[in-house]
C-alpha atoms as a PDB file:
ATOM      1  CA  MET A   1      -2.645  -3.084  14.590  1.00  0.00           C
ATOM      2  CA  SER A   2      -0.777  -6.393  15.253  1.00  0.00           C
ATOM      3  CA  GLU A   3       2.735  -6.641  16.256  1.00  0.00           C
ATOM      4  CA  LYS A   4       3.670  -8.021  12.910  1.00  0.00           C
ATOM      5  CA  VAL A   5       2.412  -4.848  11.185  1.00  0.00           C
ATOM      6  CA  TYR A   6       4.383  -2.766  13.641  1.00  0.00           C
ATOM      7  CA  ALA A   7       7.581  -4.850  13.156  1.00  0.00           C
ATOM      8  CA  ARG A   8       7.172  -4.554   9.238  1.00  0.00           C
ATOM      9  CA  ILE A   9       6.646  -0.876   9.131  1.00  0.00           C
ATOM     10  CA  THR A  10       9.823  -0.465  11.540  1.00  0.00           C
ATOM     11  CA  GLU A  11      11.810  -2.745   9.189  1.00  0.00           C
ATOM     12  CA  GLN A  12      10.915  -0.609   6.206  1.00  0.00           C
ATOM     13  CA  ILE A  13      12.015   2.562   7.914  1.00  0.00           C
ATOM     14  CA  ILE A  14      15.267   1.116   9.013  1.00  0.00           C
ATOM     15  CA  GLU A  15      15.909  -0.156   5.353  1.00  0.00           C
ATOM     16  CA  LYS A  16      15.212   3.150   3.935  1.00  0.00           C
ATOM     17  CA  LEU A  17      17.515   4.868   6.535  1.00  0.00           C
ATOM     18  CA  GLU A  18      20.498   2.354   5.936  1.00  0.00           C
ATOM     19  CA  GLN A  19      20.113   3.156   2.122  1.00  0.00           C
ATOM     20  CA  GLY A  20      20.344   6.822   2.934  1.00  0.00           C
ATOM     21  CA  THR A  21      16.814   7.841   2.345  1.00  0.00           C
ATOM     22  CA  VAL A  22      14.884   9.762   4.981  1.00  0.00           C
ATOM     23  CA  PRO A  23      11.468   8.105   4.498  1.00  0.00           C
ATOM     24  CA  TRP A  24       9.607  10.960   5.881  1.00  0.00           C
ATOM     25  CA  ARG A  25      10.751  13.224   3.203  1.00  0.00           C
ATOM     26  CA  LYS A  26       8.229  13.335   0.535  1.00  0.00           C
ATOM     27  CA  PRO A  27       9.511  12.619  -3.095  1.00  0.00           C
ATOM     28  CA  TRP A  28       6.465  14.378  -4.552  1.00  0.00           C
ATOM     29  CA  LYS A  29       5.239  18.095  -4.517  1.00  0.00           C
ATOM     30  CA  SER A  30       4.222  19.515  -1.239  1.00  0.00           C
ATOM     31  CA  GLY A  31       0.873  20.801  -0.503  1.00  0.00           C
ATOM     32  CA  PRO A  32      -2.584  19.222  -0.702  1.00  0.00           C
ATOM     33  CA  GLU A  33      -2.285  18.467  -4.522  1.00  0.00           C
ATOM     34  CA  GLY A  34       0.989  16.580  -3.623  1.00  0.00           C
ATOM     35  CA  LEU A  35      -0.248  14.099  -1.183  1.00  0.00           C
ATOM     36  CA  PRO A  36      -0.856  10.603  -2.064  1.00  0.00           C
ATOM     37  CA  MET A  37      -4.090   9.977  -3.719  1.00  0.00           C
ATOM     38  CA  ASN A  38      -6.450   7.185  -5.302  1.00  0.00           C
ATOM     39  CA  LEU A  39      -6.174   7.499  -9.103  1.00  0.00           C
ATOM     40  CA  VAL A  40      -9.643   6.296  -9.630  1.00  0.00           C
ATOM     41  CA  SER A  41     -11.646   7.827  -6.724  1.00  0.00           C
ATOM     42  CA  ARG A  42      -9.319  10.922  -6.398  1.00  0.00           C
ATOM     43  CA  LYS A  43      -9.502  10.493  -2.696  1.00  0.00           C
ATOM     44  CA  ARG A  44      -6.474  11.512  -0.762  1.00  0.00           C
ATOM     45  CA  TYR A  45      -5.028   8.939   1.664  1.00  0.00           C
ATOM     46  CA  ARG A  46      -4.589   9.674   5.268  1.00  0.00           C
ATOM     47  CA  GLY A  47      -3.032   8.783   8.427  1.00  0.00           C
ATOM     48  CA  ILE A  48      -0.400   6.085   8.444  1.00  0.00           C
ATOM     49  CA  ASN A  49      -1.244   5.241   4.649  1.00  0.00           C
ATOM     50  CA  VAL A  50       0.557   8.552   3.531  1.00  0.00           C
ATOM     51  CA  PHE A  51       3.790   7.414   5.336  1.00  0.00           C
ATOM     52  CA  LEU A  52       3.698   3.946   4.077  1.00  0.00           C
ATOM     53  CA  LEU A  53       3.296   5.265   0.536  1.00  0.00           C
ATOM     54  CA  ALA A  54       6.152   7.575   1.017  1.00  0.00           C
ATOM     55  CA  LEU A  55       8.332   4.389   1.802  1.00  0.00           C
ATOM     56  CA  GLN A  56       7.837   3.149  -1.589  1.00  0.00           C
ATOM     57  CA  PRO A  57      10.198   3.643  -4.377  1.00  0.00           C
ATOM     58  CA  PHE A  58       8.045   5.541  -6.682  1.00  0.00           C
ATOM     59  CA  ASN A  59       7.774   9.202  -7.437  1.00  0.00           C
ATOM     60  CA  SER A  60       3.974   9.164  -8.450  1.00  0.00           C
ATOM     61  CA  ASN A  61       1.453  10.426  -5.859  1.00  0.00           C
ATOM     62  CA  TYR A  62      -1.177   8.271  -7.591  1.00  0.00           C
ATOM     63  CA  TRP A  63      -2.028   4.957  -6.157  1.00  0.00           C
ATOM     64  CA  LEU A  64      -4.460   2.104  -7.047  1.00  0.00           C
ATOM     65  CA  SER A  65      -5.762  -0.825  -4.943  1.00  0.00           C
ATOM     66  CA  TYR A  66      -5.066  -4.429  -6.353  1.00  0.00           C
ATOM     67  CA  LYS A  67      -8.750  -4.666  -7.122  1.00  0.00           C
ATOM     68  CA  GLN A  68      -8.814  -1.303  -9.192  1.00  0.00           C
ATOM     69  CA  ALA A  69      -5.474  -2.169 -10.825  1.00  0.00           C
ATOM     70  CA  THR A  70      -7.032  -5.511 -12.046  1.00  0.00           C
ATOM     71  CA  LEU A  71     -10.249  -3.950 -13.347  1.00  0.00           C
ATOM     72  CA  GLN A  72      -8.225  -1.340 -15.245  1.00  0.00           C
ATOM     73  CA  ARG A  73      -6.254  -4.126 -16.717  1.00  0.00           C
ATOM     74  CA  ILE A  74      -9.527  -6.116 -17.625  1.00  0.00           C
ATOM     75  CA  GLU A  75     -11.309  -2.990 -19.048  1.00  0.00           C
ATOM     76  CA  ARG A  76      -8.173  -2.282 -21.303  1.00  0.00           C
ATOM     77  CA  GLU A  77      -8.217  -5.928 -22.555  1.00  0.00           C
ATOM     78  CA  ILE A  78     -11.731  -5.758 -23.401  1.00  0.00           C
ATOM     79  CA  GLU A  79     -11.199  -2.386 -25.264  1.00  0.00           C
ATOM     80  CA  GLU A  80      -8.336  -3.967 -27.206  1.00  0.00           C
ATOM     81  CA  ALA A  81     -10.581  -7.179 -28.228  1.00  0.00           C
ATOM     82  CA  ILE A  82     -13.141  -4.837 -29.435  1.00  0.00           C
ATOM     83  CA  ASP A  83     -10.777  -2.695 -31.332  1.00  0.00           C
ATOM     84  CA  PHE A  84      -9.298  -5.998 -33.036  1.00  0.00           C
ATOM     85  CA  ALA A  85     -12.854  -7.399 -33.623  1.00  0.00           C
ATOM     86  CA  GLU A  86     -13.884  -4.104 -35.375  1.00  0.00           C
ATOM     87  CA  LYS A  87     -10.555  -3.869 -37.467  1.00  0.00           C
ATOM     88  CA  SER A  88     -10.572  -7.577 -38.589  1.00  0.00           C
ATOM     89  CA  PRO A  89     -12.175  -8.370 -42.013  1.00  0.00           C
ATOM     90  CA  HIS A  90     -15.450 -10.223 -41.545  1.00  0.00           C
ATOM     91  CA  PRO A  91     -15.796 -13.297 -43.634  1.00  0.00           C
ATOM     92  CA  ASP A  92     -18.892 -13.887 -45.530  1.00  0.00           C
ATOM     93  CA  PRO A  93     -21.075 -16.508 -43.912  1.00  0.00           C
ATOM     94  CA  SER A  94     -21.426 -18.444 -47.048  1.00  0.00           C
ATOM     95  CA  GLU A  95     -17.694 -18.824 -47.170  1.00  0.00           C
ATOM     96  CA  ILE A  96     -17.775 -20.059 -43.733  1.00  0.00           C
ATOM     97  CA  MET A  97     -20.715 -22.603 -44.579  1.00  0.00           C
ATOM     98  CA  GLU A  98     -18.632 -23.859 -47.627  1.00  0.00           C
ATOM     99  CA  ASP A  99     -15.604 -24.488 -45.701  1.00  0.00           C
ATOM    100  CA  ILE A 100     -17.816 -26.617 -43.064  1.00  0.00           C
ATOM    101  CA  TYR A 101     -19.444 -28.710 -45.647  1.00  0.00           C
ATOM    102  CA  ALA A 102     -16.676 -28.910 -48.062  1.00  0.00           C
ATOM    103  CA  PRO A 103     -15.402 -32.189 -46.587  1.00  0.00           C
ATOM    104  CA  LEU A 104     -18.909 -33.774 -47.015  1.00  0.00           C
ATOM    105  CA  ASN A 105     -18.824 -33.149 -50.749  1.00  0.00           C
END
């Protein structure tokens, strides 16, 4: 790891200690089911990632990568668009043609 990474991790630890939080005390359940895991792949995080995730101000032990979160958002938006299209009344094609050609008459 680069010096910048070590410095940033050290800063985060010091910030938490100054706030009265002991960052190595997990806010989630103990045991294998309580370790931080990826929400999509269900793989548990390992090594320094467990500690870094414990520094975050969230109680959930489920995490996503930025790419996974973006894909989840896009999938949700597509589903919403499909639902909207299915629930919307479909106009009669002849009505659309009348609207298009009405100014020509």
